[in-house]
Amino acid sequence: MLDQEIKTQLNEYLKLLENDIVIKTSIGSDDVSKEVDELVNEIASMSDKIKVEKSSFDRTPSFSVNRPGEDTGVIFAGVPLGHEFTSLILALLQVSGRPPKVDDSIIEQIKKLEGPLHFETYVSLSCQKCPDVVQALNIMSVVHPEITHTMVEGSAFKEEVDSKDIMAVPSVYLNGEQFVDGRQTIESILEALGSSADISELNDKDPYDVLVVGGGPAGSSAAIYAARKGIRTGIVAERFGGQVQDTLGIENFITTTYTEGPKLVANMEEHVRDYNVDIMNSMRAKSLEKKDLFELELENGATLKSKTVVLSTGARWRNIGVPGEAEFKNKGVAYCPHCDGPIFEGKDVAVIGGGNSGVEAAIDLAGIVKHVTLIEFAPELKADNVLQDRLYSLPNVTVHTNARTSEIYGSDKVEGLRYIDRETEEEKTIELAGVFIQIGLVPNTEWLKDTVEVNKFGEIVVDDHGTTSIPGVFAAGDCTNSAYKQIIISMGSGATAALGAFDHLIRN
């Protein structure tokens, strides 16, 4: 079932198993059960520390990863391949006794939770956001005896997914009730459970020489360049990796012909951790004020101090701002075709946006859904010609240009949308199950208010040293007025901002 290259890599990982583990399987006679059985036995054949036993679970096919004589509560329902294969490998290692790579303070937070807590995460194997959630909840199950977690592969349990009207992944249920949707970190899950980081520990941190706000490519680069100067460096991020976490294929990052967003983010974080950088994840900035030092207030009430600051807060998907968009988010309105596309298999969907992102989304979705309608406000598509040629070659795609989306409608989920033909002013209706919005990005700078100068688009204005309108505050990446929004450009601007901050320190 696994190709030779994957088996070779897996064999190296299995050498890291600390102790014996037992995989219990609940197998039927269906095709997916046969895949699960083949996968489990193939893995077990590669290590004498793995034993397989027959069992019975609420869902078939499924299997659990356990210590001998002890159920850990880590269960995979379906086949954890694709992006979830890493989740399976990590579960094997962690259940065997290999400690997870999380801070001791996080482990203590988990241990203090009151159980029982039974989590279920619905995923698609093409979703690059899902493994973060699955791996976080698996860690919590391994650490806490009253926590269990089941990964549910949506395509293997389609009737269950449809019965719960799950239209976006990852979707997490807790004790049978819907809990959270979308990408989550272990810190954000703990916060949703009412367990937050110790604010006093944050307030008591010594001032930084450089404090980086944002953990995407620009922030990572800034942190590395600052730390290499031997100065005290901190990085505070709502989620490490930013928008890159949501990017599937990356083909224009120099030195590699192809990589994927989550893999690049993992490499970035590993690189940052190689240096003496204080990483504070799942923290949202609230305000920035200049006193004796710069004081960064966080949403959780804590305050961090620094001599200089690098703002690299990135950008987020732009909303179209029509009735129904907010109401039906995760109920038919989606922003990630790779993650949520498989949920709409065999159904009609629309993509709003005719740039590269929109056209790429329409092409990807056309291979999954019944029909794609692409709607573009301008008279012509803005995507590269090679993408347009591919789009127009597809038989199940319809393109409407010069069209303004006016409403997304439905009852408890999306049932269709309305748009205005800008040439005739006629309103038209399309019945469909999903709407994917791909109209560009908006910078994450609202929290700065009147702190630094921004342009009419909300982008922070910087010079060629990354300097903002406030001495000692620098900025980099997609939150600035850089001419192009690209990963490699963000990394370069992050390095520039950090070097600018260092120059400011030695001159002041």
Protein backbone atom coordinates (compact mmCIF):
# COMPACT_ATOMS: atom_id res chain seq x y z
CA MET A 1 0.00 0.00 0.00
CA LEU A 2 2.90 2.37 0.77
CA ASP A 3 5.45 3.07 -1.95
CA GLN A 4 9.09 2.22 -1.36
CA GLU A 5 10.22 5.80 -0.68
CA ILE A 6 7.59 6.27 2.05
CA LYS A 7 8.40 2.85 3.55
CA THR A 8 12.07 3.78 3.71
CA GLN A 9 11.28 7.02 5.55
CA LEU A 10 8.76 5.29 7.82
CA ASN A 11 11.27 2.62 8.72
CA GLU A 12 13.64 5.31 10.03
CA TYR A 13 10.87 6.87 12.13
CA LEU A 14 9.85 3.51 13.59
CA LYS A 15 13.38 3.06 14.88
CA LEU A 16 12.59 5.95 17.25
CA LEU A 17 9.81 4.05 19.04
CA GLU A 18 10.56 4.12 22.78
CA ASN A 19 8.36 1.24 23.95
CA ASP A 20 5.88 -1.36 22.67
CA ILE A 21 2.53 -0.22 21.28
CA VAL A 22 -0.68 -2.05 20.40
CA ILE A 23 -2.87 -1.12 17.43
CA LYS A 24 -6.48 -2.25 17.87
CA THR A 25 -8.55 -2.50 14.69
CA SER A 26 -12.28 -2.47 13.99
CA ILE A 27 -12.57 -3.85 10.47
CA GLY A 28 -15.52 -4.68 8.21
CA SER A 29 -15.78 -6.16 4.73
CA ASP A 30 -15.92 -2.86 2.81
CA ASP A 31 -13.12 -1.49 0.61
CA VAL A 32 -12.04 1.18 3.11
CA SER A 33 -11.76 -1.48 5.83
CA LYS A 34 -9.47 -3.47 3.56
CA GLU A 35 -7.27 -0.38 3.10
CA VAL A 36 -7.12 0.24 6.84
CA ASP A 37 -6.28 -3.39 7.55
CA GLU A 38 -3.55 -3.40 4.89
CA LEU A 39 -2.05 -0.13 6.17
CA VAL A 40 -1.99 -1.22 9.82
CA ASN A 41 -0.46 -4.62 9.12
CA GLU A 42 2.10 -3.15 6.74
CA ILE A 43 3.25 -0.73 9.46
CA ALA A 44 3.28 -3.49 12.11
CA SER A 45 5.45 -5.68 9.87
CA MET A 46 8.15 -3.00 9.95
CA SER A 47 8.72 -3.03 13.73
CA ASP A 48 8.75 -5.76 16.35
CA LYS A 49 7.50 -3.15 18.87
CA ILE A 50 4.07 -2.98 17.19
CA LYS A 51 1.35 -5.58 17.73
CA VAL A 52 -2.11 -5.67 16.09
CA GLU A 53 -5.27 -6.83 17.85
CA LYS A 54 -8.90 -7.10 16.71
CA SER A 55 -11.43 -4.94 18.52
CA SER A 56 -14.71 -3.10 18.03
CA PHE A 57 -15.34 0.66 17.94
CA ASP A 58 -18.29 2.94 17.33
CA ARG A 59 -17.08 3.49 13.77
CA THR A 60 -15.89 0.86 11.34
CA PRO A 61 -13.33 0.94 9.86
CA SER A 62 -11.12 2.48 12.54
CA PHE A 63 -8.12 1.72 14.70
CA SER A 64 -6.59 2.97 17.93
CA VAL A 65 -2.97 3.41 19.00
CA ASN A 66 -2.34 2.24 22.58
CA ARG A 67 0.19 1.31 25.19
CA PRO A 68 0.05 -2.38 26.21
CA GLY A 69 -2.81 -2.80 28.67
CA GLU A 70 -3.86 0.87 28.40
CA ASP A 71 -6.17 2.66 25.95
CA THR A 72 -4.78 6.11 25.16
CA GLY A 73 -7.89 7.32 23.36
CA VAL A 74 -6.06 8.07 20.09
CA ILE A 75 -8.31 6.73 17.30
CA PHE A 76 -8.22 7.04 13.51
CA ALA A 77 -11.54 6.41 11.73
CA GLY A 78 -10.79 5.88 8.05
CA VAL A 79 -7.42 5.85 6.32
CA PRO A 80 -4.95 8.47 7.65
CA LEU A 81 -2.95 8.97 4.47
CA GLY A 82 -2.32 12.18 2.53
CA HIS A 83 -1.68 15.07 4.91
CA GLU A 84 -2.77 12.91 7.87
CA PHE A 85 0.00 10.34 7.48
CA THR A 86 2.27 12.57 9.56
CA SER A 87 -0.42 12.60 12.28
CA LEU A 88 -0.30 8.81 12.36
CA ILE A 89 3.51 8.67 12.58
CA LEU A 90 3.57 11.21 15.42
CA ALA A 91 0.83 9.31 17.28
CA LEU A 92 2.88 6.10 17.07
CA LEU A 93 5.97 7.83 18.44
CA GLN A 94 4.19 9.76 21.20
CA VAL A 95 2.14 6.80 22.43
CA SER A 96 5.37 4.78 22.57
CA GLY A 97 6.73 7.30 25.04
CA ARG A 98 8.56 9.81 22.86
CA PRO A 99 7.74 13.28 24.31
CA PRO A 100 5.82 15.68 22.05
CA LYS A 101 7.57 18.88 20.99
CA VAL A 102 5.55 21.30 23.12
CA ASP A 103 6.54 23.50 26.04
CA ASP A 104 6.32 22.08 29.55
CA SER A 105 3.87 24.87 30.44
CA ILE A 106 1.47 23.55 27.79
CA ILE A 107 1.76 20.01 29.17
CA GLU A 108 0.88 21.32 32.61
CA GLN A 109 -2.14 23.18 31.22
CA ILE A 110 -3.38 19.96 29.62
CA LYS A 111 -2.94 17.95 32.80
CA LYS A 112 -5.05 20.46 34.76
CA LEU A 113 -8.08 20.10 32.48
CA GLU A 114 -11.17 18.48 33.97
CA GLY A 115 -12.44 15.46 32.05
CA PRO A 116 -13.86 13.47 30.55
CA LEU A 117 -13.32 15.23 27.21
CA HIS A 118 -14.14 13.24 24.06
CA PHE A 119 -13.06 15.01 20.86
CA GLU A 120 -13.90 14.12 17.26
CA THR A 121 -12.25 15.91 14.33
CA TYR A 122 -13.76 15.62 10.85
CA VAL A 123 -11.10 15.98 8.17
CA SER A 124 -10.44 15.57 4.47
CA LEU A 125 -7.13 14.05 3.42
CA SER A 126 -6.45 16.98 1.07
CA CYS A 127 -6.79 19.50 3.92
CA GLN A 128 -3.47 21.01 4.97
CA LYS A 129 -5.04 22.69 8.03
CA CYS A 130 -6.46 19.49 9.51
CA PRO A 131 -3.23 17.82 10.69
CA ASP A 132 -2.48 20.71 13.08
CA VAL A 133 -5.77 20.07 14.87
CA VAL A 134 -5.50 16.27 14.79
CA GLN A 135 -1.95 16.34 16.14
CA ALA A 136 -2.80 18.81 18.89
CA LEU A 137 -5.76 16.75 20.14
CA ASN A 138 -3.76 13.52 19.87
CA ILE A 139 -1.11 15.04 22.13
CA MET A 140 -3.79 16.03 24.63
CA SER A 141 -5.10 12.43 24.59
CA VAL A 142 -1.65 10.99 25.19
CA VAL A 143 -0.98 13.39 28.09
CA HIS A 144 -4.38 13.30 29.85
CA PRO A 145 -6.03 9.95 30.76
CA GLU A 146 -9.55 11.43 30.55
CA ILE A 147 -9.17 12.89 27.05
CA THR A 148 -9.89 10.89 23.89
CA HIS A 149 -9.65 11.97 20.27
CA THR A 150 -10.95 10.41 17.08
CA MET A 151 -9.90 11.61 13.64
CA VAL A 152 -12.83 11.00 11.26
CA GLU A 153 -12.00 10.90 7.56
CA GLY A 154 -14.99 12.57 5.91
CA SER A 155 -14.98 10.57 2.66
CA ALA A 156 -15.09 7.29 4.59
CA PHE A 157 -18.04 8.44 6.72
CA LYS A 158 -19.92 10.61 4.24
CA GLU A 159 -23.38 9.86 5.64
CA GLU A 160 -22.26 10.97 9.10
CA VAL A 161 -20.74 14.16 7.68
CA ASP A 162 -23.93 14.93 5.72
CA SER A 163 -26.16 14.25 8.72
CA LYS A 164 -24.23 16.84 10.74
CA ASP A 165 -24.19 19.34 7.84
CA ILE A 166 -20.41 19.60 8.05
CA MET A 167 -19.37 21.82 5.14
CA ALA A 168 -15.89 22.89 6.19
CA VAL A 169 -12.92 21.07 7.70
CA PRO A 170 -11.44 20.65 10.17
CA SER A 171 -14.59 20.55 12.28
CA VAL A 172 -14.16 19.56 15.92
CA TYR A 173 -16.86 18.14 18.17
CA LEU A 174 -16.53 17.87 21.96
CA ASN A 175 -18.67 15.37 23.86
CA GLY A 176 -21.03 15.17 20.88
CA GLU A 177 -21.48 18.94 20.41
CA GLN A 178 -19.89 21.19 17.81
CA PHE A 179 -16.83 22.83 19.43
CA VAL A 180 -14.55 24.72 17.01
CA ASP A 181 -13.94 24.96 13.24
CA GLY A 182 -10.90 25.78 11.17
CA ARG A 183 -7.22 25.72 11.91
CA GLN A 184 -6.41 25.48 15.61
CA THR A 185 -3.23 25.27 17.65
CA ILE A 186 -2.93 23.42 20.91
CA GLU A 187 -2.86 26.83 22.61
CA SER A 188 -6.09 28.01 20.94
CA ILE A 189 -7.84 24.74 21.85
CA LEU A 190 -6.80 25.17 25.47
CA GLU A 191 -8.04 28.75 25.38
CA ALA A 192 -11.41 27.58 23.97
CA LEU A 193 -11.58 25.18 26.92
CA GLY A 194 -11.05 28.06 29.32
CA SER A 195 -7.38 27.36 30.04
CA SER A 196 -5.16 30.29 29.05
CA ALA A 197 -1.49 31.08 29.42
CA ASP A 198 -0.27 32.61 32.68
CA ILE A 199 -0.39 36.37 32.04
CA SER A 200 1.98 37.08 34.92
CA GLU A 201 4.70 35.03 33.21
CA LEU A 202 4.35 37.18 30.09
CA ASN A 203 4.31 40.44 32.05
CA ASP A 204 7.46 39.40 33.92
CA LYS A 205 9.52 38.79 30.78
CA ASP A 206 12.58 41.02 30.47
CA PRO A 207 12.45 43.67 27.72
CA TYR A 208 13.55 42.57 24.25
CA ASP A 209 16.01 44.29 21.97
CA VAL A 210 13.81 43.31 19.01
CA LEU A 211 10.21 42.11 19.34
CA VAL A 212 8.73 40.68 16.15
CA VAL A 213 4.93 40.76 15.83
CA GLY A 214 3.78 38.07 13.40
CA GLY A 215 5.12 34.61 12.60
CA GLY A 216 4.86 34.33 8.82
CA PRO A 217 7.78 34.37 6.35
CA ALA A 218 8.59 38.02 7.14
CA GLY A 219 8.44 37.51 10.89
CA SER A 220 10.47 34.31 10.80
CA SER A 221 13.16 35.94 8.69
CA ALA A 222 13.25 39.00 10.95
CA ALA A 223 13.57 36.85 14.08
CA ILE A 224 16.44 34.82 12.62
CA TYR A 225 18.35 37.87 11.39
CA ALA A 226 17.90 39.65 14.73
CA ALA A 227 18.92 36.60 16.80
CA ARG A 228 22.03 36.13 14.68
CA LYS A 229 23.18 39.54 15.90
CA GLY A 230 23.28 38.17 19.44
CA ILE A 231 20.54 40.47 20.73
CA ARG A 232 17.50 39.52 22.82
CA THR A 233 14.77 38.57 20.35
CA GLY A 234 11.13 37.61 20.82
CA ILE A 235 8.42 36.69 18.34
CA VAL A 236 4.72 36.84 19.15
CA ALA A 237 2.28 35.33 16.65
CA GLU A 238 -1.39 34.52 16.43
CA ARG A 239 -0.44 31.44 14.41
CA PHE A 240 3.03 30.55 13.22
CA GLY A 241 3.27 30.58 9.43
CA GLY A 242 0.34 32.89 8.77
CA GLN A 243 -1.25 32.64 5.33
CA VAL A 244 1.45 30.23 4.13
CA GLN A 245 -0.22 27.56 6.30
CA ASP A 246 -3.18 27.75 3.90
CA THR A 247 -1.10 27.47 0.72
CA LEU A 248 -0.95 24.08 -0.93
CA GLY A 249 1.48 24.04 -3.87
CA ILE A 250 4.44 26.45 -3.94
CA GLU A 251 6.44 26.30 -7.17
CA ASN A 252 8.25 29.66 -7.23
CA PHE A 253 10.26 29.47 -4.01
CA ILE A 254 13.88 29.57 -5.11
CA THR A 255 15.97 26.41 -4.41
CA THR A 256 13.00 24.04 -4.54
CA THR A 257 10.84 23.24 -7.56
CA TYR A 258 7.86 22.33 -5.39
CA THR A 259 6.89 22.42 -1.74
CA GLU A 260 3.71 22.85 0.27
CA GLY A 261 2.76 25.56 2.74
CA PRO A 262 2.62 23.48 5.93
CA LYS A 263 5.98 21.88 5.12
CA LEU A 264 7.59 25.26 4.50
CA VAL A 265 6.11 26.61 7.75
CA ALA A 266 7.45 23.61 9.69
CA ASN A 267 10.90 24.26 8.24
CA MET A 268 10.64 27.98 9.09
CA GLU A 269 9.66 27.30 12.69
CA GLU A 270 12.43 24.71 13.09
CA HIS A 271 14.93 27.26 11.74
CA VAL A 272 13.72 29.95 14.16
CA ARG A 273 13.95 27.50 17.07
CA ASP A 274 17.59 26.83 16.19
CA TYR A 275 18.31 30.32 17.53
CA ASN A 276 17.77 31.90 20.93
CA VAL A 277 14.34 33.30 20.07
CA ASP A 278 11.52 33.51 22.62
CA ILE A 279 8.51 32.21 20.66
CA MET A 280 5.06 33.14 21.96
CA ASN A 281 2.40 31.43 19.82
CA SER A 282 -1.39 31.90 19.69
CA MET A 283 -1.08 35.47 20.97
CA ARG A 284 -2.97 38.33 19.28
CA ALA A 285 -1.61 41.89 19.47
CA LYS A 286 -4.05 44.57 20.69
CA SER A 287 -2.11 47.84 20.76
CA LEU A 288 1.38 49.34 20.54
CA GLU A 289 2.50 52.34 22.58
CA LYS A 290 5.82 54.18 22.96
CA LYS A 291 6.84 54.96 26.54
CA ASP A 292 10.36 54.53 27.90
CA LEU A 293 10.26 51.38 25.80
CA PHE A 294 7.73 50.15 23.27
CA GLU A 295 4.88 48.34 25.02
CA LEU A 296 2.89 45.76 23.10
CA GLU A 297 -0.43 44.92 24.73
CA LEU A 298 -1.92 41.51 23.90
CA GLU A 299 -5.59 40.54 23.70
CA ASN A 300 -5.15 38.36 26.80
CA GLY A 301 -4.17 41.43 28.85
CA ALA A 302 -0.43 40.82 29.01
CA THR A 303 2.12 43.46 28.03
CA LEU A 304 5.52 42.86 26.42
CA LYS A 305 8.29 45.49 26.31
CA SER A 306 11.01 46.05 23.73
CA LYS A 307 13.55 48.59 22.52
CA THR A 308 12.51 48.08 18.89
CA VAL A 309 9.58 46.39 17.15
CA VAL A 310 9.20 44.67 13.77
CA LEU A 311 5.59 44.53 12.56
CA SER A 312 4.98 41.54 10.27
CA THR A 313 1.30 40.78 10.85
CA GLY A 314 0.62 39.74 7.26
CA ALA A 315 -2.80 39.71 5.64
CA ARG A 316 -6.01 37.66 5.55
CA TRP A 317 -8.60 36.70 2.96
CA ARG A 318 -10.69 39.67 1.86
CA ASN A 319 -14.46 39.39 2.36
CA ILE A 320 -16.90 40.46 -0.36
CA GLY A 321 -19.21 42.01 2.22
CA VAL A 322 -22.58 40.86 0.86
CA PRO A 323 -25.60 39.50 2.74
CA GLY A 324 -25.16 35.82 3.58
CA GLU A 325 -21.37 35.73 3.53
CA ALA A 326 -20.89 35.88 7.31
CA GLU A 327 -24.10 33.98 8.08
CA PHE A 328 -23.10 30.97 5.99
CA LYS A 329 -19.39 30.84 6.75
CA ASN A 330 -18.50 27.14 7.12
CA LYS A 331 -22.06 26.37 6.01
CA GLY A 332 -21.32 26.63 2.32
CA VAL A 333 -19.16 29.76 2.26
CA ALA A 334 -15.49 28.74 2.16
CA TYR A 335 -12.08 30.23 1.46
CA CYS A 336 -9.88 27.15 0.99
CA PRO A 337 -10.67 24.97 -2.05
CA HIS A 338 -8.01 22.40 -1.14
CA CYS A 339 -9.44 21.86 2.34
CA ASP A 340 -13.16 22.08 1.74
CA GLY A 341 -13.46 21.11 -1.94
CA PRO A 342 -13.93 17.35 -1.30
CA ILE A 343 -17.00 18.10 0.86
CA PHE A 344 -18.78 19.40 -2.27
CA GLU A 345 -18.08 16.34 -4.41
CA GLY A 346 -20.79 15.96 -7.04
CA LYS A 347 -22.37 19.35 -6.23
CA ASP A 348 -22.49 22.75 -7.92
CA VAL A 349 -20.30 25.53 -6.53
CA ALA A 350 -19.18 29.05 -7.38
CA VAL A 351 -15.81 30.78 -7.15
CA ILE A 352 -15.80 34.55 -6.70
CA GLY A 353 -12.64 36.14 -8.07
CA GLY A 354 -10.89 36.05 -11.43
CA GLY A 355 -7.29 36.54 -10.38
CA ASN A 356 -4.73 33.74 -10.14
CA SER A 357 -6.14 32.47 -6.83
CA GLY A 358 -9.71 32.37 -8.11
CA VAL A 359 -8.90 30.68 -11.40
CA GLU A 360 -6.61 28.14 -9.72
CA ALA A 361 -9.42 27.39 -7.26
CA ALA A 362 -11.92 26.89 -10.08
CA ILE A 363 -9.53 24.53 -11.89
CA ASP A 364 -8.94 22.47 -8.75
CA LEU A 365 -12.63 22.30 -7.88
CA ALA A 366 -13.62 21.29 -11.41
CA GLY A 367 -11.90 17.96 -10.84
CA ILE A 368 -14.04 17.29 -7.74
CA VAL A 369 -17.45 18.93 -8.04
CA LYS A 370 -20.22 18.64 -10.61
CA HIS A 371 -20.01 22.20 -11.94
CA VAL A 372 -18.09 25.41 -11.17
CA THR A 373 -19.34 28.93 -11.90
CA LEU A 374 -16.62 31.59 -11.74
CA ILE A 375 -17.78 35.17 -11.11
CA GLU A 376 -15.49 38.15 -11.77
CA PHE A 377 -16.40 41.80 -11.11
CA ALA A 378 -14.16 43.22 -13.87
CA PRO A 379 -14.89 42.90 -17.60
CA GLU A 380 -12.00 40.44 -17.99
CA LEU A 381 -10.25 37.82 -15.89
CA LYS A 382 -6.99 38.97 -14.31
CA ALA A 383 -5.31 35.59 -14.03
CA ASP A 384 -2.24 34.58 -16.02
CA ASN A 385 -3.03 33.48 -19.57
CA VAL A 386 -1.78 29.94 -18.99
CA LEU A 387 -4.32 29.55 -16.19
CA GLN A 388 -7.11 31.07 -18.26
CA ASP A 389 -6.39 28.68 -21.12
CA ARG A 390 -6.64 25.73 -18.74
CA LEU A 391 -9.84 27.09 -17.20
CA TYR A 392 -11.64 27.57 -20.50
CA SER A 393 -10.68 24.06 -21.60
CA LEU A 394 -12.72 22.50 -18.80
CA PRO A 395 -16.22 21.29 -19.76
CA ASN A 396 -17.82 21.82 -16.34
CA VAL A 397 -16.86 25.47 -15.81
CA THR A 398 -18.90 28.58 -16.64
CA VAL A 399 -17.36 32.06 -16.42
CA HIS A 400 -19.34 35.27 -15.81
CA THR A 401 -17.32 38.49 -16.08
CA ASN A 402 -18.59 42.02 -15.42
CA ALA A 403 -20.68 40.50 -12.64
CA ARG A 404 -21.20 41.84 -9.11
CA THR A 405 -22.20 39.34 -6.44
CA SER A 406 -25.14 40.81 -4.52
CA GLU A 407 -26.22 38.05 -2.10
CA ILE A 408 -25.52 34.53 -0.89
CA TYR A 409 -28.78 32.97 0.22
CA GLY A 410 -30.09 29.88 1.94
CA SER A 411 -31.90 28.65 5.03
CA ASP A 412 -29.50 26.82 7.37
CA LYS A 413 -26.84 26.47 4.66
CA VAL A 414 -25.98 27.93 1.26
CA GLU A 415 -28.56 27.27 -1.43
CA GLY A 416 -27.44 29.76 -4.06
CA LEU A 417 -26.23 33.24 -4.92
CA ARG A 418 -27.43 36.28 -6.80
CA TYR A 419 -25.34 38.57 -8.96
CA ILE A 420 -25.89 41.72 -11.01
CA ASP A 421 -24.91 41.76 -14.68
CA ARG A 422 -23.09 45.11 -14.65
CA GLU A 423 -23.77 45.69 -18.34
CA THR A 424 -27.56 45.20 -18.24
CA GLU A 425 -28.13 45.76 -14.47
CA GLU A 426 -30.19 42.55 -14.53
CA GLU A 427 -30.12 40.42 -11.36
CA LYS A 428 -29.53 36.70 -11.92
CA THR A 429 -29.73 33.70 -9.59
CA ILE A 430 -27.64 30.53 -9.47
CA GLU A 431 -28.60 27.53 -7.35
CA LEU A 432 -25.56 25.86 -5.78
CA ALA A 433 -24.22 24.29 -2.59
CA GLY A 434 -20.99 26.20 -2.00
CA VAL A 435 -19.30 29.54 -2.62
CA PHE A 436 -15.50 29.88 -2.55
CA ILE A 437 -14.31 33.47 -2.10
CA GLN A 438 -10.95 34.33 -3.67
CA ILE A 439 -10.72 38.11 -4.08
CA GLY A 440 -7.36 38.89 -2.56
CA LEU A 441 -6.02 39.94 0.81
CA VAL A 442 -6.46 42.72 3.36
CA PRO A 443 -3.58 43.69 5.72
CA ASN A 444 -3.88 42.87 9.43
CA THR A 445 -3.24 46.41 10.64
CA GLU A 446 -6.54 47.58 12.15
CA TRP A 447 -5.19 47.09 15.67
CA LEU A 448 -2.52 49.73 15.08
CA LYS A 449 -5.14 52.48 14.60
CA ASP A 450 -3.21 55.78 14.41
CA THR A 451 0.07 54.37 15.70
CA VAL A 452 1.99 54.24 12.41
CA GLU A 453 1.33 55.73 8.98
CA VAL A 454 -0.71 53.52 6.64
CA ASN A 455 -1.88 54.11 3.07
CA LYS A 456 -5.47 54.06 1.82
CA PHE A 457 -5.36 50.25 1.65
CA GLY A 458 -4.36 49.95 5.31
CA GLU A 459 -0.80 48.92 4.42
CA ILE A 460 2.02 50.18 6.66
CA VAL A 461 4.19 52.68 4.80
CA VAL A 462 7.90 51.76 4.96
CA ASP A 463 11.11 52.99 3.36
CA ASP A 464 13.88 50.89 1.85
CA HIS A 465 15.17 50.03 5.35
CA GLY A 466 11.78 48.81 6.55
CA THR A 467 11.45 51.93 8.70
CA THR A 468 7.93 53.15 9.57
CA SER A 469 6.81 56.64 10.57
CA ILE A 470 7.89 55.93 14.18
CA PRO A 471 11.62 55.66 14.93
CA GLY A 472 12.36 52.21 16.33
CA VAL A 473 9.32 50.59 14.69
CA PHE A 474 9.94 48.63 11.50
CA ALA A 475 7.61 46.59 9.29
CA ALA A 476 7.86 43.85 6.69
CA GLY A 477 5.82 41.54 4.50
CA ASP A 478 2.23 41.62 3.28
CA CYS A 479 1.11 44.14 5.92
CA THR A 480 3.27 46.81 4.25
CA ASN A 481 3.08 48.79 1.00
CA SER A 482 5.50 46.42 -0.73
CA ALA A 483 4.89 46.29 -4.47
CA TYR A 484 4.38 42.52 -4.60
CA LYS A 485 2.99 40.04 -2.09
CA GLN A 486 5.20 36.97 -2.40
CA ILE A 487 6.76 34.61 0.16
CA ILE A 488 10.30 35.25 -1.00
CA ILE A 489 9.77 39.02 -0.99
CA SER A 490 8.34 38.85 2.53
CA MET A 491 11.39 36.94 3.73
CA GLY A 492 13.71 39.54 2.20
CA SER A 493 11.79 42.41 3.74
CA GLY A 494 11.87 40.66 7.12
CA ALA A 495 15.65 40.48 6.96
CA THR A 496 15.79 44.15 5.93
CA ALA A 497 13.57 45.21 8.85
CA ALA A 498 15.64 43.23 11.37
CA LEU A 499 18.89 44.72 10.09
CA GLY A 500 17.24 48.14 10.20
CA ALA A 501 16.24 47.53 13.82
CA PHE A 502 19.80 46.44 14.70
CA ASP A 503 21.22 49.55 13.03
CA HIS A 504 18.79 51.68 15.02
CA LEU A 505 19.88 50.01 18.28
CA ILE A 506 23.60 50.55 17.77
CA ARG A 507 23.04 54.19 16.74
CA ASN A 508 20.76 54.96 19.71
